[in-house]
Amino acid sequence: MKPKIKRLRVNGFVMRRKQLLPTRSHITIAGVVPRSWTRMAEVPVSCDCFVSLPPGSRDDHVIFGKNADRPRDEVQEVAHCPGASHPAGATLECTYIQIPQVERTRAVVLSKPAWMWGAEMGANDQGVCIGNEAIWTREPVCPGDALLGMDLVRLGLERGDSAWSALTVITSLLEQHGQGGQCKEDPVAFSYHNTFLLVDRNEAWVLETAGRLWVAQKVTEGVKNISNQLTIGAEVTAEHPELRRAAQAQGWWDGESEFNFSRVFSPENPPARMELAKQRYKGGTELLKQHDGSVTAAVMMSILRDKPSGICMDSGGFCTTGSMVSVLPRDPSLPCIHFFTATPDPSRSIFKPFIFSDFSTPVLRVVSPQFGPDDPVRKQPRFQSKVDRRHDLYKAHQEAVSTMENNPDEGSSVFGILRELESQCLSEISAMLSGEIPGEELGDLFFDTVDTEIKFYQ
């Protein structure tokens, strides 16, 4: 049975900016330091995924979080796709290849690069969340079109009703179609294999791949993070049936010593980004340990906004282009709540809550324009030109960031007020989940908060 969705009353969240914005002389913004938002130099380039399960979480909730670090000018949209039934024999057009469609797909909400079919991260209406990370191993990245890791994220969400079910979807598709293809909107080749963090209300799975081979580790309690490196050693919960035989045939494992996946499959000469990512992985682990036993959505957001560790990344041609935090109550009668920024750099963005509902209003202002057959990703050769994929919120946020940089007082006032509203929203959602306050329908809360944010910027 689906939980009854209620609308939360967040005082002032849908009010116009002029009703809430005080004069500069009366505003004090704790923790908002514009200098800290300037571009960082020489920080590791990678994505980061996090999960906290009780007792790592303060409440009886599973908390998921991810920063998507992508090319600086890439637009990330937030798309809600309702569940659907499909006729027998139907095919599905992914980013580069077609695959057979299944009879039924689940409703999903996705934070995705606007040019591709797949997603960096997202959730479905069964309380499953998935994020992926780029990885390089001893297995070569095969040339040619295949399923992107981001396609596999979306396919796992559309077809899986638990973290384990989504994992089996991904590994089955890996076996059938492989992984690969151009991973950024640019003619310069950039491809990789993937690791995944899959989470539901009860458990989490780390899935690490090398071509069609894979290994998985189950996480049932505490905190865990992944980055752009192999982390599964000898503690393997599930694996590809040919994994060890393949490693032995390549001479990577002698067949007698302890099988350690990370040691066996890590490349002898890893890319610089993998080496640099070790710093971020370590920083993320330390931040989770600092909050072990007290992780909440707000704590996870603070981790994703952390600049010193490089987790909130802004370096060279890459930056954090989108962020997501999800609260998955263990109590199935309570709704899961998924927060998205839909804008770059969480340190100067706000997280807006999405809750699955049969009656929610489409939020088109965070969806990018479509270009059909004229899209550079659809033409051959691909990516020979650029199109403007910015959605309404992205444009408004860009203008606000420009204002902040040119007029720090005015810019910090706007971001400070929005951050206060985010904090208020978090507090009241927490109270609703703990039964302290009643509520009404929540289905349009994401629409309301996006609309309010745009009005603040205008």
Protein backbone atom coordinates (compact mmCIF):
# COMPACT_ATOMS: atom_id res chain seq x y z
CA MET A 1 0.00 0.00 0.00
CA LYS A 2 1.29 3.43 -0.90
CA PRO A 3 1.74 5.84 2.02
CA LYS A 4 -0.76 8.66 2.21
CA ILE A 5 0.95 11.78 0.95
CA LYS A 6 0.27 14.96 2.84
CA ARG A 7 0.98 18.58 2.03
CA LEU A 8 3.39 20.26 4.37
CA ARG A 9 2.80 23.85 5.42
CA VAL A 10 6.13 25.60 5.14
CA ASN A 11 5.59 29.10 6.42
CA GLY A 12 6.42 31.65 3.77
CA PHE A 13 7.87 29.21 1.27
CA VAL A 14 5.50 30.24 -1.50
CA MET A 15 5.51 33.94 -0.68
CA ARG A 16 7.03 36.44 -3.05
CA ARG A 17 10.54 37.71 -2.50
CA LYS A 18 9.36 41.25 -1.72
CA GLN A 19 7.39 39.91 1.24
CA LEU A 20 10.39 38.17 2.75
CA LEU A 21 13.53 40.02 1.73
CA PRO A 22 14.60 42.44 4.47
CA THR A 23 16.75 45.46 3.80
CA ARG A 24 20.51 44.91 3.76
CA SER A 25 20.91 46.86 6.97
CA HIS A 26 18.80 44.32 8.85
CA ILE A 27 20.14 41.04 7.50
CA THR A 28 22.80 38.85 9.09
CA ILE A 29 23.63 35.61 7.33
CA ALA A 30 25.49 33.10 9.42
CA GLY A 31 27.86 30.93 7.43
CA VAL A 32 27.44 32.73 4.11
CA VAL A 33 30.88 33.92 3.09
CA PRO A 34 31.04 34.88 -0.58
CA ARG A 35 34.83 34.53 -0.66
CA SER A 36 34.43 30.82 0.04
CA TRP A 37 32.38 30.49 -3.13
CA THR A 38 35.20 31.51 -5.44
CA ARG A 39 36.76 28.87 -7.66
CA MET A 40 39.09 26.42 -5.94
CA ALA A 41 42.35 25.42 -7.60
CA GLU A 42 43.95 21.98 -7.76
CA VAL A 43 41.15 19.97 -6.17
CA PRO A 44 40.50 16.34 -7.14
CA VAL A 45 38.06 15.80 -10.02
CA SER A 46 35.42 13.18 -9.23
CA CYS A 47 31.88 12.50 -8.02
CA ASP A 48 31.00 11.43 -4.50
CA CYS A 49 28.13 9.25 -3.21
CA PHE A 50 27.19 8.80 0.44
CA VAL A 51 24.79 6.72 2.51
CA SER A 52 23.95 6.57 6.18
CA LEU A 53 21.89 3.73 7.63
CA PRO A 54 20.83 3.45 11.29
CA PRO A 55 22.63 3.62 13.68
CA GLY A 56 24.67 6.03 11.55
CA SER A 57 21.56 8.18 11.07
CA ARG A 58 20.10 10.20 13.91
CA ASP A 59 16.58 8.96 13.17
CA ASP A 60 15.24 5.68 11.83
CA HIS A 61 15.96 6.86 8.28
CA VAL A 62 18.33 5.89 5.51
CA ILE A 63 20.00 9.04 4.13
CA PHE A 64 21.45 9.10 0.58
CA GLY A 65 23.48 11.88 -1.01
CA LYS A 66 25.43 12.57 -4.17
CA ASN A 67 27.31 15.39 -5.89
CA ALA A 68 27.54 15.06 -9.67
CA ASP A 69 30.81 16.57 -10.86
CA ARG A 70 30.62 17.18 -14.58
CA PRO A 71 31.96 19.56 -17.26
CA ARG A 72 31.47 23.13 -16.08
CA ASP A 73 29.09 24.27 -18.82
CA GLU A 74 26.91 21.14 -18.75
CA VAL A 75 23.31 21.75 -17.67
CA GLN A 76 21.69 19.29 -15.28
CA GLU A 77 17.90 19.06 -15.34
CA VAL A 78 15.48 17.39 -12.92
CA ALA A 79 12.92 15.25 -14.72
CA HIS A 80 9.94 13.37 -13.28
CA CYS A 81 8.84 10.44 -15.47
CA PRO A 82 5.57 8.72 -14.45
CA GLY A 83 5.28 4.97 -14.35
CA ALA A 84 4.07 3.42 -17.60
CA SER A 85 3.01 0.18 -19.31
CA HIS A 86 4.61 -0.83 -22.61
CA PRO A 87 3.44 -3.16 -25.38
CA ALA A 88 5.11 -6.49 -26.02
CA GLY A 89 8.11 -6.17 -28.32
CA ALA A 90 8.63 -2.46 -27.64
CA THR A 91 12.14 -1.04 -27.80
CA LEU A 92 13.75 1.68 -25.72
CA GLU A 93 16.04 4.38 -27.11
CA CYS A 94 18.81 5.01 -24.56
CA THR A 95 21.54 7.60 -25.11
CA TYR A 96 23.29 5.72 -27.93
CA ILE A 97 21.68 2.30 -28.39
CA GLN A 98 18.25 0.66 -28.42
CA ILE A 99 17.39 -2.18 -26.05
CA PRO A 100 14.19 -4.18 -25.46
CA GLN A 101 11.68 -2.39 -23.26
CA VAL A 102 10.07 -4.13 -20.26
CA GLU A 103 6.33 -4.47 -19.71
CA ARG A 104 6.18 -1.98 -16.83
CA THR A 105 8.44 0.88 -15.74
CA ARG A 106 8.27 2.67 -12.39
CA ALA A 107 7.87 6.38 -11.76
CA VAL A 108 11.27 8.04 -11.38
CA VAL A 109 12.70 11.45 -10.58
CA LEU A 110 16.12 12.05 -12.13
CA SER A 111 18.92 14.58 -11.92
CA LYS A 112 20.49 14.20 -15.35
CA PRO A 113 22.75 15.91 -17.86
CA ALA A 114 20.25 17.47 -20.25
CA TRP A 115 21.86 16.01 -23.39
CA MET A 116 21.63 12.34 -22.45
CA TRP A 117 18.85 9.83 -21.77
CA GLY A 118 20.45 8.51 -18.59
CA ALA A 119 20.89 10.12 -15.18
CA GLU A 120 23.67 10.90 -12.72
CA MET A 121 21.36 10.10 -9.81
CA GLY A 122 17.72 9.68 -8.96
CA ALA A 123 15.00 7.80 -7.14
CA ASN A 124 11.89 5.79 -7.91
CA ASP A 125 8.48 5.52 -6.30
CA GLN A 126 9.56 2.41 -4.38
CA GLY A 127 12.14 4.29 -2.34
CA VAL A 128 15.17 3.18 -4.36
CA CYS A 129 18.02 5.68 -4.96
CA ILE A 130 21.04 5.18 -7.23
CA GLY A 131 24.14 7.22 -8.04
CA ASN A 132 27.17 6.29 -10.16
CA GLU A 133 30.88 7.15 -10.33
CA ALA A 134 33.43 6.96 -13.15
CA ILE A 135 36.07 4.29 -12.72
CA TRP A 136 39.01 2.88 -14.71
CA THR A 137 40.27 -0.68 -14.20
CA ARG A 138 42.60 -3.19 -15.82
CA GLU A 139 39.75 -4.09 -18.16
CA PRO A 140 39.95 -1.74 -21.16
CA VAL A 141 37.10 0.62 -21.96
CA CYS A 142 35.78 -0.77 -25.22
CA PRO A 143 35.32 1.69 -28.10
CA GLY A 144 31.93 2.15 -29.72
CA ASP A 145 28.42 2.73 -28.48
CA ALA A 146 26.96 0.84 -25.54
CA LEU A 147 25.04 1.69 -22.38
CA LEU A 148 26.41 4.63 -20.44
CA GLY A 149 26.74 4.21 -16.69
CA MET A 150 24.11 6.96 -16.47
CA ASP A 151 21.77 4.90 -18.66
CA LEU A 152 22.23 2.02 -16.22
CA VAL A 153 21.32 4.29 -13.29
CA ARG A 154 18.02 5.20 -14.94
CA LEU A 155 17.29 1.64 -16.07
CA GLY A 156 17.89 0.34 -12.54
CA LEU A 157 15.44 2.88 -11.16
CA GLU A 158 12.79 2.29 -13.82
CA ARG A 159 12.92 -1.49 -13.44
CA GLY A 160 13.93 -2.21 -9.82
CA ASP A 161 11.68 -2.25 -6.74
CA SER A 162 14.57 -2.62 -4.25
CA ALA A 163 18.27 -1.87 -4.20
CA TRP A 164 19.10 -5.53 -4.83
CA SER A 165 16.52 -5.79 -7.62
CA ALA A 166 17.99 -2.69 -9.29
CA LEU A 167 21.48 -4.20 -8.96
CA THR A 168 20.38 -7.37 -10.77
CA VAL A 169 18.80 -5.22 -13.50
CA ILE A 170 22.10 -3.37 -14.02
CA THR A 171 24.31 -6.48 -14.01
CA SER A 172 21.98 -8.28 -16.42
CA LEU A 173 22.05 -5.33 -18.83
CA LEU A 174 25.84 -5.15 -18.51
CA GLU A 175 26.04 -8.78 -19.58
CA GLN A 176 23.72 -8.24 -22.55
CA HIS A 177 24.81 -4.83 -23.85
CA GLY A 178 28.09 -3.85 -22.19
CA GLN A 179 29.01 -0.34 -21.05
CA GLY A 180 30.73 2.46 -22.89
CA GLY A 181 30.25 5.41 -25.19
CA GLN A 182 31.14 9.09 -25.10
CA CYS A 183 30.45 10.40 -21.57
CA LYS A 184 30.47 14.14 -22.16
CA GLU A 185 28.98 16.53 -24.68
CA ASP A 186 32.19 17.00 -26.62
CA PRO A 187 33.90 15.43 -29.63
CA VAL A 188 37.04 14.70 -27.56
CA ALA A 189 36.85 11.06 -26.43
CA PHE A 190 36.03 10.51 -22.75
CA SER A 191 34.71 7.11 -21.63
CA TYR A 192 34.86 5.02 -18.46
CA HIS A 193 33.46 2.12 -16.50
CA ASN A 194 31.27 2.66 -13.43
CA THR A 195 30.70 2.02 -9.78
CA PHE A 196 27.24 2.44 -8.26
CA LEU A 197 25.69 3.08 -4.86
CA LEU A 198 22.18 1.60 -4.68
CA VAL A 199 20.03 2.35 -1.63
CA ASP A 200 16.54 1.57 -0.35
CA ARG A 201 14.70 1.84 2.97
CA ASN A 202 16.49 -1.18 4.42
CA GLU A 203 19.96 -1.57 2.93
CA ALA A 204 22.57 -0.34 0.49
CA TRP A 205 24.72 -2.04 -2.12
CA VAL A 206 28.04 -0.96 -3.60
CA LEU A 207 28.39 -2.31 -7.15
CA GLU A 208 31.77 -2.04 -8.87
CA THR A 209 32.27 -3.02 -12.50
CA ALA A 210 35.06 -3.79 -14.96
CA GLY A 211 33.59 -4.15 -18.44
CA ARG A 212 30.92 -6.84 -18.12
CA LEU A 213 32.45 -8.17 -14.89
CA TRP A 214 31.23 -6.97 -11.51
CA VAL A 215 31.39 -7.39 -7.76
CA ALA A 216 28.99 -6.19 -5.05
CA GLN A 217 29.06 -5.54 -1.32
CA LYS A 218 26.01 -5.28 0.92
CA VAL A 219 25.82 -2.53 3.57
CA THR A 220 23.20 -2.90 6.30
CA GLU A 221 24.26 -0.37 8.93
CA GLY A 222 26.46 2.65 9.54
CA VAL A 223 27.94 5.03 6.97
CA LYS A 224 29.59 4.45 3.60
CA ASN A 225 30.90 6.58 0.71
CA ILE A 226 32.28 5.87 -2.75
CA SER A 227 34.29 7.92 -5.21
CA ASN A 228 36.24 7.31 -8.42
CA GLN A 229 38.13 4.24 -7.24
CA LEU A 230 37.58 0.59 -6.38
CA THR A 231 36.74 0.10 -2.70
CA ILE A 232 35.61 -3.54 -2.47
CA GLY A 233 38.42 -5.76 -1.25
CA ALA A 234 37.98 -9.30 0.06
CA GLU A 235 34.56 -8.66 1.63
CA VAL A 236 32.49 -9.66 -1.39
CA THR A 237 28.75 -10.35 -1.08
CA ALA A 238 27.99 -11.19 -4.73
CA GLU A 239 29.99 -11.35 -7.95
CA HIS A 240 29.93 -12.20 -11.65
CA PRO A 241 30.25 -16.00 -12.01
CA GLU A 242 33.29 -15.65 -14.30
CA LEU A 243 35.02 -12.90 -12.31
CA ARG A 244 37.79 -14.94 -10.67
CA ARG A 245 38.35 -17.16 -13.68
CA ALA A 246 38.79 -14.06 -15.86
CA ALA A 247 41.24 -12.50 -13.40
CA GLN A 248 43.27 -15.72 -13.26
CA ALA A 249 43.29 -16.07 -17.06
CA GLN A 250 44.73 -12.54 -17.37
CA GLY A 251 47.45 -13.31 -14.84
CA TRP A 252 46.11 -10.74 -12.39
CA TRP A 253 45.40 -13.34 -9.66
CA ASP A 254 47.15 -16.61 -8.91
CA GLY A 255 43.98 -18.46 -7.94
CA GLU A 256 45.35 -19.37 -4.50
CA SER A 257 45.89 -16.19 -2.50
CA GLU A 258 43.02 -14.20 -1.03
CA PHE A 259 40.93 -12.60 -3.78
CA ASN A 260 40.86 -8.84 -3.25
CA PHE A 261 38.86 -7.19 -6.05
CA SER A 262 40.31 -3.71 -5.61
CA ARG A 263 43.89 -4.99 -5.60
CA VAL A 264 43.35 -7.38 -8.53
CA PHE A 265 41.44 -5.04 -10.85
CA SER A 266 42.87 -1.58 -10.09
CA PRO A 267 45.00 -0.36 -13.00
CA GLU A 268 48.77 -0.43 -12.66
CA ASN A 269 48.98 3.14 -13.96
CA PRO A 270 45.72 4.79 -12.89
CA PRO A 271 44.59 8.08 -14.44
CA ALA A 272 45.55 11.17 -12.45
CA ARG A 273 41.89 11.83 -11.61
CA MET A 274 41.70 8.43 -9.86
CA GLU A 275 44.77 9.20 -7.77
CA LEU A 276 43.45 12.64 -6.86
CA ALA A 277 40.06 11.16 -5.98
CA LYS A 278 41.68 9.27 -3.10
CA GLN A 279 41.90 12.59 -1.24
CA ARG A 280 38.19 13.21 -1.71
CA TYR A 281 37.29 9.66 -0.73
CA LYS A 282 39.32 10.06 2.44
CA GLY A 283 37.77 13.46 3.13
CA GLY A 284 34.26 12.09 2.63
CA THR A 285 34.97 9.15 4.93
CA GLU A 286 36.24 11.50 7.64
CA LEU A 287 33.18 13.76 7.36
CA LEU A 288 30.84 10.78 7.66
CA LYS A 289 32.75 9.52 10.70
CA GLN A 290 32.48 12.94 12.35
CA HIS A 291 28.68 12.70 12.08
CA ASP A 292 28.32 8.94 12.58
CA GLY A 293 25.21 8.43 14.71
CA SER A 294 23.77 11.86 13.95
CA VAL A 295 23.40 12.00 10.15
CA THR A 296 20.31 13.84 8.92
CA ALA A 297 19.36 15.40 5.60
CA ALA A 298 20.84 18.69 6.80
CA VAL A 299 24.13 17.00 7.73
CA MET A 300 24.29 15.28 4.33
CA MET A 301 23.71 18.64 2.63
CA SER A 302 26.53 20.16 4.65
CA ILE A 303 28.86 17.35 3.52
CA LEU A 304 27.94 17.93 -0.12
CA ARG A 305 28.67 21.65 0.39
CA ASP A 306 32.09 21.03 1.90
CA LYS A 307 34.75 22.98 -0.01
CA PRO A 308 38.00 22.13 1.88
CA SER A 309 37.65 18.40 1.10
CA GLY A 310 36.92 19.13 -2.57
CA ILE A 311 33.57 17.31 -2.32
CA CYS A 312 31.88 20.54 -3.39
CA MET A 313 34.09 20.77 -6.44
CA ASP A 314 35.02 23.76 -8.57
CA SER A 315 38.25 23.16 -10.44
CA GLY A 316 39.31 23.83 -13.99
CA GLY A 317 36.80 22.55 -16.51
CA PHE A 318 34.74 20.57 -13.98
CA CYS A 319 32.40 21.53 -11.13
CA THR A 320 29.52 20.10 -9.12
CA THR A 321 26.67 20.56 -11.60
CA GLY A 322 23.89 18.99 -9.51
CA SER A 323 23.29 17.59 -6.03
CA MET A 324 20.76 15.25 -4.42
CA VAL A 325 19.88 14.19 -0.87
CA SER A 326 17.17 11.65 -0.03
CA VAL A 327 15.46 10.69 3.23
CA LEU A 328 14.13 7.12 3.21
CA PRO A 329 12.19 6.36 6.42
CA ARG A 330 12.32 2.74 7.50
CA ASP A 331 8.58 3.02 8.28
CA PRO A 332 6.87 2.19 4.94
CA SER A 333 3.82 4.28 5.87
CA LEU A 334 5.93 7.44 5.63
CA PRO A 335 6.88 9.02 2.29
CA CYS A 336 10.43 9.20 1.00
CA ILE A 337 11.64 12.75 0.38
CA HIS A 338 14.16 13.60 -2.33
CA PHE A 339 15.95 16.97 -2.40
CA PHE A 340 17.50 18.35 -5.61
CA THR A 341 19.36 21.55 -6.38
CA ALA A 342 18.87 21.51 -10.20
CA THR A 343 21.65 24.14 -10.27
CA PRO A 344 25.46 24.02 -9.99
CA ASP A 345 27.46 24.24 -6.75
CA PRO A 346 25.41 23.27 -3.68
CA SER A 347 27.28 25.86 -1.59
CA ARG A 348 25.35 28.55 -3.48
CA SER A 349 22.23 26.56 -4.33
CA ILE A 350 19.32 25.35 -2.24
CA PHE A 351 17.87 21.86 -1.99
CA LYS A 352 14.21 21.58 -2.96
CA PRO A 353 12.05 18.64 -1.78
CA PHE A 354 10.31 16.26 -4.19
CA ILE A 355 7.75 13.66 -3.05
CA PHE A 356 6.10 11.17 -5.36
CA SER A 357 2.38 11.82 -5.76
CA ASP A 358 -0.27 10.85 -8.30
CA PHE A 359 -1.39 14.47 -8.47
CA SER A 360 1.80 16.53 -8.59
CA THR A 361 2.10 19.43 -11.03
CA PRO A 362 4.84 18.99 -13.69
CA VAL A 363 7.84 21.21 -12.90
CA LEU A 364 8.81 22.31 -16.40
CA ARG A 365 11.04 25.13 -15.19
CA VAL A 366 13.80 22.65 -14.29
CA VAL A 367 13.46 20.71 -17.56
CA SER A 368 15.71 21.68 -20.46
CA PRO A 369 14.47 22.39 -24.01
CA GLN A 370 14.41 19.53 -26.51
CA PHE A 371 15.98 19.69 -30.00
CA GLY A 372 14.77 16.45 -31.59
CA PRO A 373 16.73 15.23 -34.63
CA ASP A 374 18.68 18.51 -34.71
CA ASP A 375 20.27 17.74 -31.34
CA PRO A 376 24.08 17.45 -31.71
CA VAL A 377 23.94 14.13 -29.85
CA ARG A 378 21.65 12.73 -32.58
CA LYS A 379 23.69 13.87 -35.56
CA GLN A 380 26.68 12.07 -37.04
CA PRO A 381 29.43 12.87 -36.30
CA ARG A 382 28.19 13.78 -32.83
CA PHE A 383 28.86 16.93 -30.79
CA GLN A 384 30.02 19.13 -33.64
CA SER A 385 28.01 22.08 -32.32
CA LYS A 386 26.50 23.39 -29.08
CA VAL A 387 22.90 24.23 -28.21
CA ASP A 388 21.50 26.20 -25.27
CA ARG A 389 20.15 23.59 -22.85
CA ARG A 390 19.59 25.95 -19.91
CA HIS A 391 16.22 25.65 -18.17
CA ASP A 392 14.45 28.55 -16.45
CA LEU A 393 15.85 27.92 -12.97
CA TYR A 394 19.37 27.46 -14.33
CA LYS A 395 19.18 30.83 -16.11
CA ALA A 396 17.79 32.61 -13.06
CA HIS A 397 20.43 31.04 -10.82
CA GLN A 398 23.21 32.07 -13.22
CA GLU A 399 22.00 35.67 -13.06
CA ALA A 400 21.85 35.54 -9.26
CA VAL A 401 25.40 34.17 -9.07
CA SER A 402 26.57 36.94 -11.40
CA THR A 403 24.84 39.50 -9.16
CA MET A 404 26.48 38.01 -6.09
CA GLU A 405 29.91 38.25 -7.67
CA ASN A 406 29.36 41.84 -8.84
CA ASN A 407 27.39 42.99 -5.79
CA PRO A 408 28.17 40.68 -2.84
CA ASP A 409 25.77 42.42 -0.44
CA GLU A 410 22.71 41.99 -2.64
CA GLY A 411 23.68 38.50 -3.77
CA SER A 412 24.37 37.19 -0.28
CA SER A 413 21.03 38.60 0.89
CA VAL A 414 19.14 36.54 -1.67
CA PHE A 415 21.10 33.33 -0.99
CA GLY A 416 20.87 33.87 2.76
CA ILE A 417 17.09 34.15 2.72
CA LEU A 418 16.77 31.08 0.52
CA ARG A 419 19.09 29.10 2.81
CA GLU A 420 16.94 30.09 5.79
CA LEU A 421 13.86 28.85 3.97
CA GLU A 422 15.63 25.60 3.16
CA SER A 423 16.45 25.15 6.83
CA GLN A 424 12.85 25.87 7.82
CA CYS A 425 11.59 23.41 5.25
CA LEU A 426 13.94 20.72 6.58
CA SER A 427 12.79 21.31 10.15
CA GLU A 428 9.11 21.05 9.31
CA ILE A 429 9.57 17.97 7.12
CA SER A 430 11.47 16.34 9.99
CA ALA A 431 8.64 17.23 12.35
CA MET A 432 6.10 15.80 9.91
CA LEU A 433 8.03 12.53 9.58
CA SER A 434 8.25 12.20 13.36
CA GLY A 435 4.51 12.88 13.78
CA GLU A 436 4.98 16.19 15.58
CA ILE A 437 2.97 18.28 13.11
CA PRO A 438 0.12 17.45 10.73
CA GLY A 439 0.11 18.34 7.06
CA GLU A 440 -1.87 18.41 3.86
CA GLU A 441 -0.99 17.25 0.34
CA LEU A 442 2.76 17.44 -0.44
CA GLY A 443 2.66 16.61 -4.12
CA ASP A 444 3.28 20.17 -5.34
CA LEU A 445 5.99 21.11 -2.85
CA PHE A 446 8.77 20.77 -5.45
CA PHE A 447 6.80 22.94 -7.89
CA ASP A 448 6.20 25.57 -5.19
CA THR A 449 9.82 25.74 -4.06
CA VAL A 450 11.21 25.99 -7.60
CA ASP A 451 8.71 28.73 -8.41
CA THR A 452 9.59 30.61 -5.24
CA GLU A 453 13.32 30.36 -5.87
CA ILE A 454 12.92 31.83 -9.37
CA LYS A 455 10.82 34.68 -7.99
CA PHE A 456 13.51 35.45 -5.43
CA TYR A 457 16.06 35.77 -8.20
CA GLN A 458 13.89 38.13 -10.26
